[in-house]
């Protein structure tokens, strides 16, 4: 707010350490970067903008970041409280108006799953805003629980081994970064609660107003992992270690085998 010193959020040392280590290890954000942050107002994206603000104040290099909230264009949609929050903490913020909700009325099929649909539409809007503003990186608030859930969902429902990369280059030329990818969801929830932040949840999702199918797969996977972690308290620690120690040549994909004698033998047989 004009004339007032921006407020500062309380951030625990452990969360700061994980955030800093992740950024350094994967070289997510560096000197001169112009970063657009997708801010939904939930605990994850709120944590991200406050951690970026803290990094901007203390990092030995300069970078810019701007928070962007994609408005779906729904009747009664109101992000004024979120915008005031950002102003109070000195976080640059824009509410980007779109007609995603109106478009969805014509294009989404009744009874279909809504998560991927609105995720794609929201991501496309974020990319468009980034292009207009000249940003070179887009930061998203996915955490490690998201990565683990995606891994098992892809395995169980799609038959592929895939998770969430800390950084990748999108088709439209942006580098998409996930600075919270090694943080646990519980840490971000605790951060929001400790600071007394009012967060925006599923009530802001357009799908709550459309006859669509609930995201059963993710909910079921989340619950399964919760039960598993209750029985094995180091479950996520072990999964994180396994994500960093991948033995390609122990799976059923010959293109990933490193044993030259076997791959050469397979190649010879294919040409016989």
Protein backbone atom coordinates (compact mmCIF):
# COMPACT_ATOMS: atom_id res chain seq x y z
CA UNK A 1 0.00 0.00 0.00
CA UNK A 2 1.22 3.47 -0.88
CA UNK A 3 3.08 5.19 1.94
CA UNK A 4 3.33 2.03 4.03
CA UNK A 5 6.21 -0.38 4.37
CA UNK A 6 5.31 -3.80 2.89
CA UNK A 7 4.55 -6.53 5.39
CA UNK A 8 6.70 -9.64 5.59
CA UNK A 9 5.56 -13.23 5.96
CA UNK A 10 7.04 -15.57 8.56
CA UNK A 11 8.91 -18.35 6.78
CA UNK A 12 10.41 -21.31 8.63
CA UNK A 13 14.11 -22.09 8.20
CA UNK A 14 13.46 -25.60 6.87
CA UNK A 15 11.15 -24.35 4.10
CA UNK A 16 13.64 -21.61 3.22
CA UNK A 17 16.44 -24.17 3.05
CA UNK A 18 14.48 -26.52 0.78
CA UNK A 19 13.45 -23.66 -1.48
CA UNK A 20 16.99 -22.27 -1.77
CA UNK A 21 18.56 -25.69 -2.34
CA UNK A 22 16.03 -26.57 -5.04
CA UNK A 23 16.61 -23.31 -6.87
CA UNK A 24 20.39 -23.73 -6.75
CA UNK A 25 20.43 -27.43 -7.67
CA UNK A 26 18.21 -27.10 -10.72
CA UNK A 27 19.19 -23.52 -11.63
CA UNK A 28 15.58 -22.40 -11.79
CA UNK A 29 15.81 -18.65 -11.31
CA UNK A 30 18.95 -16.57 -11.80
CA UNK A 31 20.28 -13.11 -12.53
CA UNK A 32 18.22 -11.06 -14.96
CA UNK A 33 15.27 -13.45 -15.12
CA UNK A 34 11.77 -12.08 -15.57
CA UNK A 35 9.43 -14.56 -13.90
CA UNK A 36 5.65 -14.77 -14.12
CA UNK A 37 4.08 -16.66 -11.22
CA UNK A 38 0.72 -18.37 -11.52
CA UNK A 39 -1.16 -17.28 -8.38
CA UNK A 40 -4.46 -19.02 -7.75
CA UNK A 41 -4.64 -17.86 -4.15
CA UNK A 42 -4.31 -21.37 -2.74
CA UNK A 43 -1.73 -22.28 -0.10
CA UNK A 44 0.79 -23.55 -2.68
CA UNK A 45 0.94 -20.51 -4.95
CA UNK A 46 0.72 -18.13 -1.99
CA UNK A 47 3.73 -19.87 -0.45
CA UNK A 48 5.57 -19.54 -3.74
CA UNK A 49 5.11 -15.78 -4.15
CA UNK A 50 6.18 -15.13 -0.55
CA UNK A 51 9.27 -17.30 -0.92
CA UNK A 52 10.15 -15.51 -4.15
CA UNK A 53 9.68 -12.16 -2.43
CA UNK A 54 12.02 -13.27 0.33
CA UNK A 55 14.58 -14.52 -2.21
CA UNK A 56 14.37 -11.26 -4.13
CA UNK A 57 15.23 -9.38 -0.94
CA UNK A 58 18.18 -11.59 0.05
CA UNK A 59 19.62 -13.24 -3.09
CA UNK A 60 23.03 -12.01 -4.35
CA UNK A 61 21.51 -11.42 -7.79
CA UNK A 62 18.64 -9.39 -9.21
CA UNK A 63 15.54 -10.82 -10.86
CA UNK A 64 11.95 -9.70 -11.41
CA UNK A 65 8.76 -11.57 -10.69
CA UNK A 66 5.10 -10.76 -11.16
CA UNK A 67 2.11 -12.70 -9.85
CA UNK A 68 -0.76 -13.36 -12.25
CA UNK A 69 -4.20 -14.65 -11.29
CA UNK A 70 -6.23 -15.96 -14.20
CA UNK A 71 -9.87 -14.93 -13.89
CA UNK A 72 -12.25 -17.36 -15.59
CA UNK A 73 -14.90 -14.72 -16.20
CA UNK A 74 -17.47 -16.36 -13.92
CA UNK A 75 -20.36 -14.37 -12.46
CA UNK A 76 -19.49 -13.25 -8.93
CA UNK A 77 -15.77 -14.00 -9.30
CA UNK A 78 -13.84 -11.67 -6.98
CA UNK A 79 -10.08 -11.54 -6.45
CA UNK A 80 -9.99 -8.16 -4.72
CA UNK A 81 -8.94 -9.65 -1.36
CA UNK A 82 -6.08 -11.53 -3.03
CA UNK A 83 -4.97 -8.37 -4.82
CA UNK A 84 -5.04 -6.42 -1.55
CA UNK A 85 -2.99 -9.16 0.07
CA UNK A 86 -0.32 -8.84 -2.62
CA UNK A 87 -0.29 -5.06 -2.28
CA UNK A 88 0.18 -5.33 1.49
CA UNK A 89 3.21 -7.59 1.03
CA UNK A 90 4.73 -5.67 -1.88
CA UNK A 91 4.06 -8.40 -4.43
CA UNK A 92 3.33 -7.14 -7.98
CA UNK A 93 0.02 -8.68 -9.03
CA UNK A 94 -2.40 -8.65 -11.94
CA UNK A 95 -5.78 -10.30 -12.32
CA UNK A 96 -5.89 -11.42 -15.96
CA UNK A 97 -9.46 -11.42 -17.25
CA UNK A 98 -10.46 -14.23 -19.63
CA UNK A 99 -13.65 -15.79 -21.00
CA UNK A 100 -12.65 -19.37 -20.11
CA UNK A 101 -15.92 -20.00 -18.25
CA UNK A 102 -18.08 -18.92 -21.20
CA UNK A 103 -15.99 -21.00 -23.62
CA UNK A 104 -16.29 -24.05 -21.37
CA UNK A 105 -20.09 -23.93 -21.59
CA UNK A 106 -19.79 -24.72 -25.30
CA UNK A 107 -16.76 -26.99 -25.43
CA UNK A 108 -16.63 -29.21 -22.33
CA UNK A 109 -18.78 -32.34 -22.46
CA UNK A 110 -21.23 -32.98 -19.63
CA UNK A 111 -19.97 -35.68 -17.29
CA UNK A 112 -16.37 -35.36 -18.48
CA UNK A 113 -13.36 -34.83 -16.23
CA UNK A 114 -12.71 -31.13 -15.73
CA UNK A 115 -9.22 -31.00 -14.19
CA UNK A 116 -7.15 -31.36 -17.36
CA UNK A 117 -9.52 -29.13 -19.34
CA UNK A 118 -9.35 -26.11 -17.04
CA UNK A 119 -5.67 -26.71 -16.36
CA UNK A 120 -4.90 -26.44 -20.08
CA UNK A 121 -7.08 -23.36 -20.49
CA UNK A 122 -5.55 -21.65 -17.45
CA UNK A 123 -2.02 -22.51 -18.56
CA UNK A 124 -2.72 -21.15 -22.05
CA UNK A 125 -3.96 -17.87 -20.57
CA UNK A 126 -0.87 -17.64 -18.38
CA UNK A 127 1.35 -18.18 -21.42
CA UNK A 128 -0.48 -15.44 -23.31
CA UNK A 129 0.01 -13.00 -20.44
CA UNK A 130 3.70 -13.94 -20.27
CA UNK A 131 4.13 -13.30 -23.99
CA UNK A 132 2.52 -9.89 -23.75
CA UNK A 133 4.67 -8.95 -20.75
CA UNK A 134 7.97 -10.26 -22.08
CA UNK A 135 8.55 -12.82 -19.32
CA UNK A 136 11.03 -15.62 -19.96
CA UNK A 137 10.07 -17.99 -17.14
CA UNK A 138 6.80 -19.14 -15.63
CA UNK A 139 6.80 -20.39 -12.04
CA UNK A 140 4.16 -22.84 -10.81
CA UNK A 141 3.40 -23.91 -7.25
CA UNK A 142 3.54 -27.71 -7.62
CA UNK A 143 5.05 -29.46 -4.61
CA UNK A 144 6.53 -32.93 -4.03
CA UNK A 145 3.19 -34.48 -3.09
CA UNK A 146 1.88 -33.37 -6.50
CA UNK A 147 4.87 -34.99 -8.21
CA UNK A 148 4.42 -38.30 -6.37
CA UNK A 149 0.67 -38.38 -7.01
CA UNK A 150 1.25 -37.68 -10.71
CA UNK A 151 3.85 -40.44 -10.90
CA UNK A 152 1.49 -43.11 -9.56
CA UNK A 153 -1.51 -41.78 -11.49
CA UNK A 154 0.46 -42.00 -14.72
CA UNK A 155 1.57 -45.52 -13.85
CA UNK A 156 -1.81 -46.83 -12.70
CA UNK A 157 -4.07 -45.08 -15.21
CA UNK A 158 -1.90 -44.31 -18.26
CA UNK A 159 0.75 -47.05 -18.22
CA UNK A 160 3.71 -44.64 -18.30
CA UNK A 161 6.43 -43.67 -15.85
CA UNK A 162 6.24 -39.89 -15.68
CA UNK A 163 6.24 -37.23 -13.00
CA UNK A 164 6.86 -33.45 -12.82
CA UNK A 165 10.19 -31.92 -13.84
CA UNK A 166 11.66 -29.05 -11.79
CA UNK A 167 12.25 -27.19 -15.05
CA UNK A 168 11.33 -27.74 -18.70
CA UNK A 169 10.97 -25.71 -21.87
CA UNK A 170 7.41 -25.32 -23.09
CA UNK A 171 6.49 -25.42 -26.78
CA UNK A 172 5.92 -21.67 -26.76
CA UNK A 173 9.52 -21.01 -25.69
CA UNK A 174 9.12 -20.36 -21.97
CA UNK A 175 11.00 -22.20 -19.29
CA UNK A 176 8.48 -23.49 -16.76
CA UNK A 177 9.94 -23.85 -13.27
CA UNK A 178 8.65 -25.48 -10.09
CA UNK A 179 10.62 -24.02 -7.16
CA UNK A 180 8.51 -25.91 -4.57
CA UNK A 181 8.94 -29.33 -6.16
CA UNK A 182 10.92 -30.71 -3.20
CA UNK A 183 8.67 -29.20 -0.51
CA UNK A 184 5.90 -31.22 1.12
CA UNK A 185 2.29 -30.10 0.93
CA UNK A 186 2.04 -30.14 4.72
CA UNK A 187 4.87 -27.59 4.95
CA UNK A 188 3.01 -25.19 2.67
CA UNK A 189 -0.23 -25.68 4.57
CA UNK A 190 1.59 -24.96 7.83
CA UNK A 191 3.14 -21.81 6.33
CA UNK A 192 -0.26 -20.43 5.31
CA UNK A 193 -1.81 -21.31 8.68
CA UNK A 194 1.05 -19.84 10.71
CA UNK A 195 0.71 -16.55 8.86
CA UNK A 196 -3.08 -16.57 9.07
CA UNK A 197 -3.48 -16.29 5.30
CA UNK A 198 -6.96 -16.62 3.86
CA UNK A 199 -6.59 -19.08 0.99
CA UNK A 200 -8.75 -19.77 -2.03
CA UNK A 201 -9.78 -23.38 -2.56
CA UNK A 202 -11.92 -25.44 -4.91
CA UNK A 203 -14.80 -23.00 -4.55
CA UNK A 204 -13.08 -20.80 -7.16
CA UNK A 205 -12.97 -23.60 -9.74
CA UNK A 206 -15.45 -23.22 -12.64
CA UNK A 207 -16.14 -26.93 -12.53
CA UNK A 208 -18.06 -26.46 -9.28
CA UNK A 209 -20.78 -24.84 -11.42
CA UNK A 210 -20.76 -27.40 -14.23
CA UNK A 211 -22.09 -30.97 -14.28
CA UNK A 212 -18.66 -32.55 -14.52
CA UNK A 213 -16.98 -35.58 -13.07
CA UNK A 214 -14.96 -35.11 -9.89
CA UNK A 215 -11.20 -35.84 -10.13
CA UNK A 216 -11.56 -39.33 -8.67
CA UNK A 217 -8.15 -40.60 -9.78
CA UNK A 218 -6.17 -37.92 -7.95
CA UNK A 219 -8.33 -38.11 -4.83
CA UNK A 220 -7.98 -41.90 -4.74
CA UNK A 221 -4.21 -41.73 -5.27
CA UNK A 222 -3.82 -39.06 -2.59
CA UNK A 223 -5.76 -41.17 -0.10
CA UNK A 224 -3.77 -44.32 -0.97
CA UNK A 225 -0.50 -42.46 -0.41
CA UNK A 226 -1.81 -41.03 2.86
CA UNK A 227 -2.57 -44.53 4.12
CA UNK A 228 0.79 -45.83 2.91
CA UNK A 229 2.66 -43.02 4.64
CA UNK A 230 0.73 -43.78 7.83
CA UNK A 231 2.25 -47.28 7.74
CA UNK A 232 5.70 -46.22 6.50
CA UNK A 233 6.70 -42.83 7.88
CA UNK A 234 9.72 -42.54 5.55
CA UNK A 235 7.72 -43.32 2.41
CA UNK A 236 8.11 -39.94 0.73
CA UNK A 237 11.75 -39.74 1.75
CA UNK A 238 12.39 -43.05 -0.03
CA UNK A 239 10.36 -42.01 -3.08
CA UNK A 240 12.35 -38.78 -3.34
CA UNK A 241 15.59 -40.76 -3.20
CA UNK A 242 14.32 -43.12 -5.91
CA UNK A 243 13.39 -40.17 -8.15
CA UNK A 244 17.07 -39.20 -8.07
CA UNK A 245 18.49 -42.72 -8.58
CA UNK A 246 16.93 -44.11 -11.74
CA UNK A 247 18.42 -47.26 -13.29
CA UNK A 248 17.15 -47.10 -16.86
CA UNK A 249 18.62 -50.42 -17.92
CA UNK A 250 16.59 -52.44 -15.40
CA UNK A 251 13.24 -51.82 -17.15
CA UNK A 252 11.62 -53.33 -20.23
CA UNK A 253 12.63 -50.60 -22.66
CA UNK A 254 15.64 -51.71 -24.76
CA UNK A 255 16.21 -48.16 -26.02
CA UNK A 256 17.28 -47.20 -22.50
CA UNK A 257 19.62 -50.10 -21.88
CA UNK A 258 23.28 -49.19 -21.46
CA UNK A 259 24.66 -52.69 -22.00
CA UNK A 260 26.16 -52.44 -25.47
CA UNK A 261 26.42 -56.17 -26.00
CA UNK A 262 22.69 -56.73 -25.48
CA UNK A 263 21.49 -53.69 -27.44
CA UNK A 264 23.80 -54.63 -30.31
CA UNK A 265 22.46 -58.16 -30.26
CA UNK A 266 18.87 -56.91 -30.41
CA UNK A 267 19.79 -54.56 -33.25
CA UNK A 268 21.38 -57.40 -35.22
CA UNK A 269 18.32 -59.60 -34.78
CA UNK A 270 16.07 -56.79 -36.00
CA UNK A 271 18.03 -56.57 -39.28
CA UNK A 272 18.20 -60.32 -39.92
